[in-house]
PDB file of N, CA and C in Angstrom:
ATOM      1  N   MET A   1     114.180  61.610  96.359  1.00  0.00           N
ATOM      2  CA  MET A   1     112.971  61.417  95.555  1.00  0.00           C
ATOM      3  C   MET A   1     112.921  62.479  94.472  1.00  0.00           C
ATOM      4  N   SER A   2     112.942  62.085  93.249  1.00  0.00           N
ATOM      5  CA  SER A   2     112.785  63.001  92.131  1.00  0.00           C
ATOM      6  C   SER A   2     111.366  62.835  91.592  1.00  0.00           C
ATOM      7  N   THR A   3     110.795  63.919  91.090  1.00  0.00           N
ATOM      8  CA  THR A   3     109.424  63.850  90.580  1.00  0.00           C
ATOM      9  C   THR A   3     109.392  64.196  89.099  1.00  0.00           C
ATOM     10  N   GLU A   4     108.266  63.927  88.490  1.00  0.00           N
ATOM     11  CA  GLU A   4     108.037  64.257  87.085  1.00  0.00           C
ATOM     12  C   GLU A   4     107.422  65.640  86.942  1.00  0.00           C
ATOM     13  N   ILE A   5     107.268  66.364  88.048  1.00  0.00           N
ATOM     14  CA  ILE A   5     106.612  67.671  87.971  1.00  0.00           C
ATOM     15  C   ILE A   5     107.626  68.786  88.189  1.00  0.00           C
ATOM     16  N   CYS A   6     107.195  69.993  87.848  1.00  0.00           N
ATOM     17  CA  CYS A   6     108.026  71.175  88.030  1.00  0.00           C
ATOM     18  C   CYS A   6     107.130  72.367  88.325  1.00  0.00           C
ATOM     19  N   GLU A   7     107.765  73.461  88.703  1.00  0.00           N
ATOM     20  CA  GLU A   7     107.061  74.725  88.878  1.00  0.00           C
ATOM     21  C   GLU A   7     107.534  75.643  87.762  1.00  0.00           C
ATOM     22  N   VAL A   8     106.582  76.206  87.032  1.00  0.00           N
ATOM     23  CA  VAL A   8     106.899  77.118  85.938  1.00  0.00           C
ATOM     24  C   VAL A   8     106.498  78.521  86.366  1.00  0.00           C
ATOM     25  N   VAL A   9     107.464  79.422  86.345  1.00  0.00           N
ATOM     26  CA  VAL A   9     107.231  80.818  86.708  1.00  0.00           C
ATOM     27  C   VAL A   9     107.035  81.627  85.436  1.00  0.00           C
ATOM     28  N   VAL A  10     105.955  82.427  85.435  1.00  0.00           N
ATOM     29  CA  VAL A  10     105.667  83.335  84.322  1.00  0.00           C
ATOM     30  C   VAL A  10     105.358  84.699  84.932  1.00  0.00           C
ATOM     31  N   THR A  11     105.882  85.756  84.332  1.00  0.00           N
ATOM     32  CA  THR A  11     105.568  87.112  84.785  1.00  0.00           C
ATOM     33  C   THR A  11     104.888  87.879  83.655  1.00  0.00           C
ATOM     34  N   ALA A  12     104.161  88.923  84.035  1.00  0.00           N
ATOM     35  CA  ALA A  12     103.476  89.771  83.053  1.00  0.00           C
ATOM     36  C   ALA A  12     103.212  91.137  83.679  1.00  0.00           C
ATOM     37  N   GLY A  13     103.008  92.121  82.842  1.00  0.00           N
ATOM     38  CA  GLY A  13     102.724  93.465  83.307  1.00  0.00           C
ATOM     39  C   GLY A  13     101.313  93.640  83.840  1.00  0.00           C
ATOM     40  N   SER A  14     100.412  92.764  83.443  1.00  0.00           N
ATOM     41  CA  SER A  14      99.019  92.848  83.865  1.00  0.00           C
ATOM     42  C   SER A  14      98.638  91.613  84.674  1.00  0.00           C
ATOM     43  N   ALA A  15      98.218  91.834  85.915  1.00  0.00           N
ATOM     44  CA  ALA A  15      97.782  90.721  86.767  1.00  0.00           C
ATOM     45  C   ALA A  15      96.553  90.044  86.177  1.00  0.00           C
ATOM     46  N   GLU A  16      95.643  90.813  85.605  1.00  0.00           N
ATOM     47  CA  GLU A  16      94.428  90.238  85.022  1.00  0.00           C
ATOM     48  C   GLU A  16      94.748  89.375  83.807  1.00  0.00           C
ATOM     49  N   TRP A  17      95.653  89.853  82.951  1.00  0.00           N
ATOM     50  CA  TRP A  17      96.045  89.046  81.800  1.00  0.00           C
ATOM     51  C   TRP A  17      96.649  87.728  82.275  1.00  0.00           C
ATOM     52  N   LEU A  18      97.488  87.793  83.300  1.00  0.00           N
ATOM     53  CA  LEU A  18      98.166  86.604  83.794  1.00  0.00           C
ATOM     54  C   LEU A  18      97.184  85.604  84.409  1.00  0.00           C
ATOM     55  N   VAL A  19      96.163  86.087  85.106  1.00  0.00           N
ATOM     56  CA  VAL A  19      95.143  85.193  85.656  1.00  0.00           C
ATOM     57  C   VAL A  19      94.398  84.495  84.520  1.00  0.00           C
ATOM     58  N   GLU A  20      94.050  85.229  83.476  1.00  0.00           N
ATOM     59  CA  GLU A  20      93.344  84.622  82.342  1.00  0.00           C
ATOM     60  C   GLU A  20      94.238  83.623  81.603  1.00  0.00           C
ATOM     61  N   PHE A  21      95.510  83.938  81.457  1.00  0.00           N
ATOM     62  CA  PHE A  21      96.459  83.010  80.844  1.00  0.00           C
ATOM     63  C   PHE A  21      96.542  81.734  81.679  1.00  0.00           C
ATOM     64  N   THR A  22      96.632  81.899  82.999  1.00  0.00           N
ATOM     65  CA  THR A  22      96.671  80.757  83.913  1.00  0.00           C
ATOM     66  C   THR A  22      95.414  79.913  83.759  1.00  0.00           C
ATOM     67  N   ARG A  23      94.265  80.562  83.722  1.00  0.00           N
ATOM     68  CA  ARG A  23      92.995  79.840  83.575  1.00  0.00           C
ATOM     69  C   ARG A  23      92.977  79.022  82.274  1.00  0.00           C
ATOM     70  N   ARG A  24      93.461  79.607  81.184  1.00  0.00           N
ATOM     71  CA  ARG A  24      93.487  78.874  79.906  1.00  0.00           C
ATOM     72  C   ARG A  24      94.395  77.647  80.000  1.00  0.00           C
ATOM     73  N   LEU A  25      95.531  77.792  80.652  1.00  0.00           N
ATOM     74  CA  LEU A  25      96.443  76.644  80.801  1.00  0.00           C
ATOM     75  C   LEU A  25      95.816  75.545  81.651  1.00  0.00           C
ATOM     76  N   VAL A  26      95.133  75.925  82.733  1.00  0.00           N
ATOM     77  CA  VAL A  26      94.464  74.935  83.583  1.00  0.00           C
ATOM     78  C   VAL A  26      93.301  74.298  82.817  1.00  0.00           C
ATOM     79  N   ASP A  27      92.519  75.108  82.112  1.00  0.00           N
ATOM     80  CA  ASP A  27      91.408  74.570  81.313  1.00  0.00           C
ATOM     81  C   ASP A  27      91.900  73.548  80.291  1.00  0.00           C
ATOM     82  N   ASP A  28      93.061  73.808  79.700  1.00  0.00           N
ATOM     83  CA  ASP A  28      93.620  72.922  78.684  1.00  0.00           C
ATOM     84  C   ASP A  28      94.473  71.795  79.283  1.00  0.00           C
ATOM     85  N   ARG A  29      94.506  71.720  80.616  1.00  0.00           N
ATOM     86  CA  ARG A  29      95.230  70.679  81.355  1.00  0.00           C
ATOM     87  C   ARG A  29      96.741  70.714  81.124  1.00  0.00           C
ATOM     88  N   LEU A  30      97.256  71.906  80.788  1.00  0.00           N
ATOM     89  CA  LEU A  30      98.699  72.079  80.682  1.00  0.00           C
ATOM     90  C   LEU A  30      99.312  72.396  82.037  1.00  0.00           C
ATOM     91  N   ALA A  31      98.488  72.812  82.980  1.00  0.00           N
ATOM     92  CA  ALA A  31      98.919  73.047  84.361  1.00  0.00           C
ATOM     93  C   ALA A  31      97.806  72.573  85.288  1.00  0.00           C
ATOM     94  N   ALA A  32      98.190  72.020  86.427  1.00  0.00           N
ATOM     95  CA  ALA A  32      97.191  71.590  87.412  1.00  0.00           C
ATOM     96  C   ALA A  32      96.646  72.789  88.163  1.00  0.00           C
ATOM     97  N   CYS A  33      97.509  73.776  88.404  1.00  0.00           N
ATOM     98  CA  CYS A  33      97.084  74.979  89.118  1.00  0.00           C
ATOM     99  C   CYS A  33      98.093  76.081  88.867  1.00  0.00           C
ATOM    100  N   GLY A  34      97.699  77.275  89.246  1.00  0.00           N
ATOM    101  CA  GLY A  34      98.594  78.418  89.180  1.00  0.00           C
ATOM    102  C   GLY A  34      98.371  79.299  90.388  1.00  0.00           C
ATOM    103  N   GLN A  35      99.430  79.597  91.092  1.00  0.00           N
ATOM    104  CA  GLN A  35      99.349  80.461  92.266  1.00  0.00           C
ATOM    105  C   GLN A  35      99.837  81.845  91.864  1.00  0.00           C
ATOM    106  N   ASN A  36      98.871  82.750  91.705  1.00  0.00           N
ATOM    107  CA  ASN A  36      99.162  84.088  91.208  1.00  0.00           C
ATOM    108  C   ASN A  36      99.475  85.057  92.337  1.00  0.00           C
ATOM    109  N   ILE A  37     100.498  85.856  92.109  1.00  0.00           N
ATOM    110  CA  ILE A  37     100.846  86.968  92.990  1.00  0.00           C
ATOM    111  C   ILE A  37     100.631  88.231  92.155  1.00  0.00           C
ATOM    112  N   ALA A  38      99.685  89.045  92.569  1.00  0.00           N
ATOM    113  CA  ALA A  38      99.257  90.172  91.736  1.00  0.00           C
ATOM    114  C   ALA A  38     100.250  91.328  91.704  1.00  0.00           C
ATOM    115  N   ALA A  39     101.074  91.480  92.711  1.00  0.00           N
ATOM    116  CA  ALA A  39     101.965  92.646  92.744  1.00  0.00           C
ATOM    117  C   ALA A  39     103.384  92.247  93.110  1.00  0.00           C
ATOM    118  N   ILE A  40     104.260  92.334  92.117  1.00  0.00           N
ATOM    119  CA  ILE A  40     105.690  92.216  92.349  1.00  0.00           C
ATOM    120  C   ILE A  40     106.348  93.412  91.679  1.00  0.00           C
ATOM    121  N   ARG A  41     107.613  93.600  91.932  1.00  0.00           N
ATOM    122  CA  ARG A  41     108.353  94.690  91.313  1.00  0.00           C
ATOM    123  C   ARG A  41     109.574  94.087  90.645  1.00  0.00           C
ATOM    124  N   SER A  42     109.722  94.326  89.359  1.00  0.00           N
ATOM    125  CA  SER A  42     110.829  93.760  88.591  1.00  0.00           C
ATOM    126  C   SER A  42     111.810  94.855  88.189  1.00  0.00           C
ATOM    127  N   VAL A  43     113.070  94.589  88.468  1.00  0.00           N
ATOM    128  CA  VAL A  43     114.162  95.463  88.046  1.00  0.00           C
ATOM    129  C   VAL A  43     115.002  94.640  87.068  1.00  0.00           C
ATOM    130  N   TYR A  44     115.190  95.162  85.864  1.00  0.00           N
ATOM    131  CA  TYR A  44     115.866  94.398  84.822  1.00  0.00           C
ATOM    132  C   TYR A  44     116.429  95.358  83.769  1.00  0.00           C
ATOM    133  N   ARG A  45     117.328  94.837  82.948  1.00  0.00           N
ATOM    134  CA  ARG A  45     117.884  95.630  81.859  1.00  0.00           C
ATOM    135  C   ARG A  45     117.163  95.236  80.578  1.00  0.00           C
ATOM    136  N   TRP A  46     116.687  96.238  79.832  1.00  0.00           N
ATOM    137  CA  TRP A  46     116.033  96.001  78.554  1.00  0.00           C
ATOM    138  C   TRP A  46     116.415  97.119  77.605  1.00  0.00           C
ATOM    139  N   ASP A  47     116.821  96.769  76.407  1.00  0.00           N
ATOM    140  CA  ASP A  47     117.266  97.743  75.401  1.00  0.00           C
ATOM    141  C   ASP A  47     118.333  98.680  75.955  1.00  0.00           C
ATOM    142  N   GLY A  48     119.235  98.134  76.759  1.00  0.00           N
ATOM    143  CA  GLY A  48     120.367  98.901  77.266  1.00  0.00           C
ATOM    144  C   GLY A  48     120.076  99.798  78.451  1.00  0.00           C
ATOM    145  N   GLU A  49     118.852  99.776  78.961  1.00  0.00           N
ATOM    146  CA  GLU A  49     118.503 100.626  80.098  1.00  0.00           C
ATOM    147  C   GLU A  49     117.909  99.792  81.220  1.00  0.00           C
ATOM    148  N   VAL A  50     118.186 100.197  82.455  1.00  0.00           N
ATOM    149  CA  VAL A  50     117.610  99.519  83.602  1.00  0.00           C
ATOM    150  C   VAL A  50     116.163  99.963  83.764  1.00  0.00           C
ATOM    151  N   GLN A  51     115.276  98.987  83.857  1.00  0.00           N
ATOM    152  CA  GLN A  51     113.843  99.228  84.021  1.00  0.00           C
ATOM    153  C   GLN A  51     113.444  98.872  85.452  1.00  0.00           C
ATOM    154  N   ASP A  52     112.395  99.491  85.935  1.00  0.00           N
ATOM    155  CA  ASP A  52     111.855  99.229  87.279  1.00  0.00           C
ATOM    156  C   ASP A  52     110.340  99.300  87.144  1.00  0.00           C
ATOM    157  N   ASP A  53     109.698  98.116  87.044  1.00  0.00           N
ATOM    158  CA  ASP A  53     108.282  98.075  86.682  1.00  0.00           C
ATOM    159  C   ASP A  53     107.469  97.172  87.606  1.00  0.00           C
ATOM    160  N   PRO A  54     106.203  97.521  87.818  1.00  0.00           N
ATOM    161  CA  PRO A  54     105.301  96.599  88.514  1.00  0.00           C
ATOM    162  C   PRO A  54     104.937  95.450  87.572  1.00  0.00           C
ATOM    163  N   GLU A  55     104.844  94.264  88.126  1.00  0.00           N
ATOM    164  CA  GLU A  55     104.445  93.092  87.360  1.00  0.00           C
ATOM    165  C   GLU A  55     103.633  92.164  88.255  1.00  0.00           C
ATOM    166  N   ALA A  56     103.141  91.096  87.649  1.00  0.00           N
ATOM    167  CA  ALA A  56     102.483  90.003  88.361  1.00  0.00           C
ATOM    168  C   ALA A  56     103.278  88.740  88.064  1.00  0.00           C
ATOM    169  N   ARG A  57     103.071  87.719  88.909  1.00  0.00           N
ATOM    170  CA  ARG A  57     103.831  86.470  88.783  1.00  0.00           C
ATOM    171  C   ARG A  57     102.911  85.301  89.071  1.00  0.00           C
ATOM    172  N   VAL A  58     103.100  84.209  88.334  1.00  0.00           N
ATOM    173  CA  VAL A  58     102.370  82.983  88.625  1.00  0.00           C
ATOM    174  C   VAL A  58     103.371  81.841  88.747  1.00  0.00           C
ATOM    175  N   ALA A  59     103.077  80.929  89.667  1.00  0.00           N
ATOM    176  CA  ALA A  59     103.819  79.683  89.805  1.00  0.00           C
ATOM    177  C   ALA A  59     102.874  78.567  89.379  1.00  0.00           C
ATOM    178  N   LEU A  60     103.144  77.993  88.220  1.00  0.00           N
ATOM    179  CA  LEU A  60     102.317  76.919  87.676  1.00  0.00           C
ATOM    180  C   LEU A  60     102.891  75.578  88.114  1.00  0.00           C
ATOM    181  N   HIS A  61     102.038  74.664  88.510  1.00  0.00           N
ATOM    182  CA  HIS A  61     102.474  73.303  88.834  1.00  0.00           C
ATOM    183  C   HIS A  61     102.025  72.397  87.700  1.00  0.00           C
ATOM    184  N   THR A  62     102.989  71.715  87.104  1.00  0.00           N
ATOM    185  CA  THR A  62     102.730  70.950  85.896  1.00  0.00           C
ATOM    186  C   THR A  62     103.725  69.827  85.727  1.00  0.00           C
ATOM    187  N   ARG A  63     103.560  69.077  84.658  1.00  0.00           N
ATOM    188  CA  ARG A  63     104.514  68.031  84.281  1.00  0.00           C
ATOM    189  C   ARG A  63     105.715  68.668  83.579  1.00  0.00           C
ATOM    190  N   LEU A  64     106.886  68.153  83.839  1.00  0.00           N
ATOM    191  CA  LEU A  64     108.087  68.614  83.153  1.00  0.00           C
ATOM    192  C   LEU A  64     107.930  68.476  81.639  1.00  0.00           C
ATOM    193  N   SER A  65     107.258  67.439  81.202  1.00  0.00           N
ATOM    194  CA  SER A  65     107.086  67.198  79.763  1.00  0.00           C
ATOM    195  C   SER A  65     106.204  68.254  79.082  1.00  0.00           C
ATOM    196  N   LEU A  66     105.434  69.030  79.858  1.00  0.00           N
ATOM    197  CA  LEU A  66     104.545  70.039  79.282  1.00  0.00           C
ATOM    198  C   LEU A  66     105.184  71.417  79.168  1.00  0.00           C
ATOM    199  N   VAL A  67     106.376  71.577  79.704  1.00  0.00           N
ATOM    200  CA  VAL A  67     107.036  72.895  79.680  1.00  0.00           C
ATOM    201  C   VAL A  67     107.171  73.441  78.256  1.00  0.00           C
ATOM    202  N   PRO A  68     107.608  72.658  77.273  1.00  0.00           N
ATOM    203  CA  PRO A  68     107.702  73.233  75.917  1.00  0.00           C
ATOM    204  C   PRO A  68     106.369  73.776  75.392  1.00  0.00           C
ATOM    205  N   ARG A  69     105.271  73.128  75.717  1.00  0.00           N
ATOM    206  CA  ARG A  69     103.956  73.616  75.266  1.00  0.00           C
ATOM    207  C   ARG A  69     103.586  74.915  75.976  1.00  0.00           C
ATOM    208  N   ILE A  70     103.938  75.037  77.254  1.00  0.00           N
ATOM    209  CA  ILE A  70     103.660  76.277  77.991  1.00  0.00           C
ATOM    210  C   ILE A  70     104.523  77.408  77.441  1.00  0.00           C
ATOM    211  N   VAL A  71     105.783  77.128  77.156  1.00  0.00           N
ATOM    212  CA  VAL A  71     106.665  78.142  76.557  1.00  0.00           C
ATOM    213  C   VAL A  71     106.092  78.601  75.224  1.00  0.00           C
ATOM    214  N   GLN A  72     105.642  77.669  74.404  1.00  0.00           N
ATOM    215  CA  GLN A  72     105.083  78.030  73.103  1.00  0.00           C
ATOM    216  C   GLN A  72     103.825  78.882  73.260  1.00  0.00           C
ATOM    217  N   ARG A  73     102.955  78.501  74.187  1.00  0.00           N
ATOM    218  CA  ARG A  73     101.738  79.296  74.427  1.00  0.00           C
ATOM    219  C   ARG A  73     102.095  80.703  74.868  1.00  0.00           C
ATOM    220  N   ALA A  74     103.070  80.817  75.768  1.00  0.00           N
ATOM    221  CA  ALA A  74     103.493  82.146  76.217  1.00  0.00           C
ATOM    222  C   ALA A  74     104.052  82.947  75.045  1.00  0.00           C
ATOM    223  N   ASN A  75     104.887  82.326  74.235  1.00  0.00           N
ATOM    224  CA  ASN A  75     105.438  83.036  73.077  1.00  0.00           C
ATOM    225  C   ASN A  75     104.346  83.480  72.112  1.00  0.00           C
ATOM    226  N   ASP A  76     103.293  82.692  71.977  1.00  0.00           N
ATOM    227  CA  ASP A  76     102.194  83.027  71.063  1.00  0.00           C
ATOM    228  C   ASP A  76     101.236  84.066  71.628  1.00  0.00           C
ATOM    229  N   GLU A  77     100.974  84.026  72.951  1.00  0.00           N
ATOM    230  CA  GLU A  77      99.885  84.813  73.538  1.00  0.00           C
ATOM    231  C   GLU A  77     100.338  85.994  74.405  1.00  0.00           C
ATOM    232  N   HIS A  78     101.547  85.958  74.907  1.00  0.00           N
ATOM    233  CA  HIS A  78     102.004  86.962  75.874  1.00  0.00           C
ATOM    234  C   HIS A  78     102.220  88.308  75.202  1.00  0.00           C
ATOM    235  N   PRO A  79     101.881  89.398  75.891  1.00  0.00           N
ATOM    236  CA  PRO A  79     102.094  90.721  75.296  1.00  0.00           C
ATOM    237  C   PRO A  79     103.570  91.137  75.204  1.00  0.00           C
ATOM    238  N   TYR A  80     104.468  90.488  75.948  1.00  0.00           N
ATOM    239  CA  TYR A  80     105.893  90.845  75.902  1.00  0.00           C
ATOM    240  C   TYR A  80     106.558  90.227  74.672  1.00  0.00           C
ATOM    241  N   ASP A  81     107.598  90.893  74.180  1.00  0.00           N
ATOM    242  CA  ASP A  81     108.403  90.330  73.097  1.00  0.00           C
ATOM    243  C   ASP A  81     109.139  89.072  73.554  1.00  0.00           C
ATOM    244  N   VAL A  82     109.660  89.110  74.784  1.00  0.00           N
ATOM    245  CA  VAL A  82     110.399  87.985  75.358  1.00  0.00           C
ATOM    246  C   VAL A  82     109.837  87.716  76.752  1.00  0.00           C
ATOM    247  N   PRO A  83     108.789  86.897  76.849  1.00  0.00           N
ATOM    248  CA  PRO A  83     108.200  86.637  78.166  1.00  0.00           C
ATOM    249  C   PRO A  83     109.111  85.787  79.049  1.00  0.00           C
ATOM    250  N   CYS A  84     109.071  86.087  80.339  1.00  0.00           N
ATOM    251  CA  CYS A  84     109.775  85.275  81.335  1.00  0.00           C
ATOM    252  C   CYS A  84     108.968  83.996  81.544  1.00  0.00           C
ATOM    253  N   VAL A  85     109.556  82.871  81.189  1.00  0.00           N
ATOM    254  CA  VAL A  85     108.970  81.557  81.450  1.00  0.00           C
ATOM    255  C   VAL A  85     110.141  80.661  81.843  1.00  0.00           C
ATOM    256  N   ILE A  86     110.206  80.281  83.115  1.00  0.00           N
ATOM    257  CA  ILE A  86     111.288  79.408  83.557  1.00  0.00           C
ATOM    258  C   ILE A  86     110.704  78.245  84.354  1.00  0.00           C
ATOM    259  N   ALA A  87     111.306  77.092  84.193  1.00  0.00           N
ATOM    260  CA  ALA A  87     110.862  75.896  84.899  1.00  0.00           C
ATOM    261  C   ALA A  87     111.864  75.557  85.996  1.00  0.00           C
ATOM    262  N   LEU A  88     111.338  75.334  87.186  1.00  0.00           N
ATOM    263  CA  LEU A  88     112.152  74.981  88.339  1.00  0.00           C
ATOM    264  C   LEU A  88     111.835  73.548  88.740  1.00  0.00           C
ATOM    265  N   PRO A  89     112.846  72.732  89.012  1.00  0.00           N
ATOM    266  CA  PRO A  89     112.575  71.332  89.348  1.00  0.00           C
ATOM    267  C   PRO A  89     111.918  71.192  90.714  1.00  0.00           C
ATOM    268  N   VAL A  90     111.053  70.214  90.814  1.00  0.00           N
ATOM    269  CA  VAL A  90     110.499  69.795  92.101  1.00  0.00           C
ATOM    270  C   VAL A  90     111.206  68.481  92.425  1.00  0.00           C
ATOM    271  N   ILE A  91     112.087  68.520  93.394  1.00  0.00           N
ATOM    272  CA  ILE A  91     112.883  67.322  93.680  1.00  0.00           C
ATOM    273  C   ILE A  91     112.206  66.402  94.682  1.00  0.00           C
ATOM    274  N   ALA A  92     111.260  66.947  95.436  1.00  0.00           N
ATOM    275  CA  ALA A  92     110.521  66.140  96.408  1.00  0.00           C
ATOM    276  C   ALA A  92     109.246  66.883  96.761  1.00  0.00           C
ATOM    277  N   GLY A  93     108.304  66.153  97.343  1.00  0.00           N
ATOM    278  CA  GLY A  93     107.053  66.777  97.752  1.00  0.00           C
ATOM    279  C   GLY A  93     106.103  65.754  98.330  1.00  0.00           C
ATOM    280  N   ASN A  94     104.961  66.243  98.725  1.00  0.00           N
ATOM    281  CA  ASN A  94     103.904  65.378  99.229  1.00  0.00           C
ATOM    282  C   ASN A  94     103.502  64.429  98.091  1.00  0.00           C
ATOM    283  N   PRO A  95     103.704  63.127  98.242  1.00  0.00           N
ATOM    284  CA  PRO A  95     103.379  62.206  97.158  1.00  0.00           C
ATOM    285  C   PRO A  95     101.933  62.336  96.669  1.00  0.00           C
ATOM    286  N   ALA A  96     101.006  62.599  97.552  1.00  0.00           N
ATOM    287  CA  ALA A  96      99.610  62.755  97.143  1.00  0.00           C
ATOM    288  C   ALA A  96      99.441  64.004  96.268  1.00  0.00           C
ATOM    289  N   TYR A  97     100.155  65.087  96.577  1.00  0.00           N
ATOM    290  CA  TYR A  97     100.073  66.300  95.768  1.00  0.00           C
ATOM    291  C   TYR A  97     100.708  66.070  94.398  1.00  0.00           C
ATOM    292  N   VAL A  98     101.857  65.431  94.372  1.00  0.00           N
ATOM    293  CA  VAL A  98     102.508  65.119  93.098  1.00  0.00           C
ATOM    294  C   VAL A  98     101.570  64.277  92.237  1.00  0.00           C
ATOM    295  N   ASP A  99     100.933  63.274  92.820  1.00  0.00           N
ATOM    296  CA  ASP A  99      99.976  62.444  92.088  1.00  0.00           C
ATOM    297  C   ASP A  99      98.809  63.281  91.562  1.00  0.00           C
ATOM    298  N   TRP A 100      98.346  64.254  92.360  1.00  0.00           N
ATOM    299  CA  TRP A 100      97.244  65.114  91.939  1.00  0.00           C
ATOM    300  C   TRP A 100      97.665  65.954  90.728  1.00  0.00           C
ATOM    301  N   VAL A 101      98.864  66.541  90.767  1.00  0.00           N
ATOM    302  CA  VAL A 101      99.352  67.331  89.635  1.00  0.00           C
ATOM    303  C   VAL A 101      99.407  66.463  88.383  1.00  0.00           C
ATOM    304  N   LEU A 102      99.901  65.255  88.512  1.00  0.00           N
ATOM    305  CA  LEU A 102      99.979  64.340  87.368  1.00  0.00           C
ATOM    306  C   LEU A 102      98.583  63.980  86.858  1.00  0.00           C
ATOM    307  N   ALA A 103      97.646  63.781  87.764  1.00  0.00           N
ATOM    308  CA  ALA A 103      96.281  63.414  87.374  1.00  0.00           C
ATOM    309  C   ALA A 103      95.553  64.561  86.682  1.00  0.00           C
ATOM    310  N   GLU A 104      95.889  65.793  87.025  1.00  0.00           N
ATOM    311  CA  GLU A 104      95.175  66.961  86.504  1.00  0.00           C
ATOM    312  C   GLU A 104      95.788  67.550  85.236  1.00  0.00           C
ATOM    313  N   THR A 105      96.875  66.954  84.754  1.00  0.00           N
ATOM    314  CA  THR A 105      97.530  67.444  83.541  1.00  0.00           C
ATOM    315  C   THR A 105      97.542  66.350  82.494  1.00  0.00           C
ATOM    316  N   VAL A 106      97.655  66.766  81.225  1.00  0.00           N
ATOM    317  CA  VAL A 106      97.663  65.788  80.142  1.00  0.00           C
ATOM    318  C   VAL A 106      98.973  65.007  80.162  1.00  0.00           C
ATOM    319  N   ASP A 107      98.874  63.748  79.848  1.00  0.00           N
ATOM    320  CA  ASP A 107     100.041  62.868  79.786  1.00  0.00           C
ATOM    321  C   ASP A 107     100.509  62.825  78.339  1.00  0.00           C
ATOM    322  N   GLU A 108     101.660  63.401  78.113  1.00  0.00           N
ATOM    323  CA  GLU A 108     102.200  63.418  76.738  1.00  0.00           C
ATOM    324  C   GLU A 108     102.559  62.002  76.350  1.00  0.00           C
TER     325      GLU A 108
END
């Protein structure tokens, strides 16, 4: 069973900023919901140096067709120069939940 939905992961340095970003996406029906994790630790290379920073993470449930709009919003609104926004496929799930995600998001 393949679905039309996906999970979009976004990270940010501020948990509060990320919650507000999530709320705006849900308000605009670009995501059905967002499950925020307020404290994660990210280790990554940036400008040639390894960084080790606290961050927050959200898993957005949305339509695959809305990913480009979410990427654009992140690029426009996110405080990072290059925000982490990745879409992961949902290959199967509770059909009622998949239907709910589709019902709660705009149909392109």
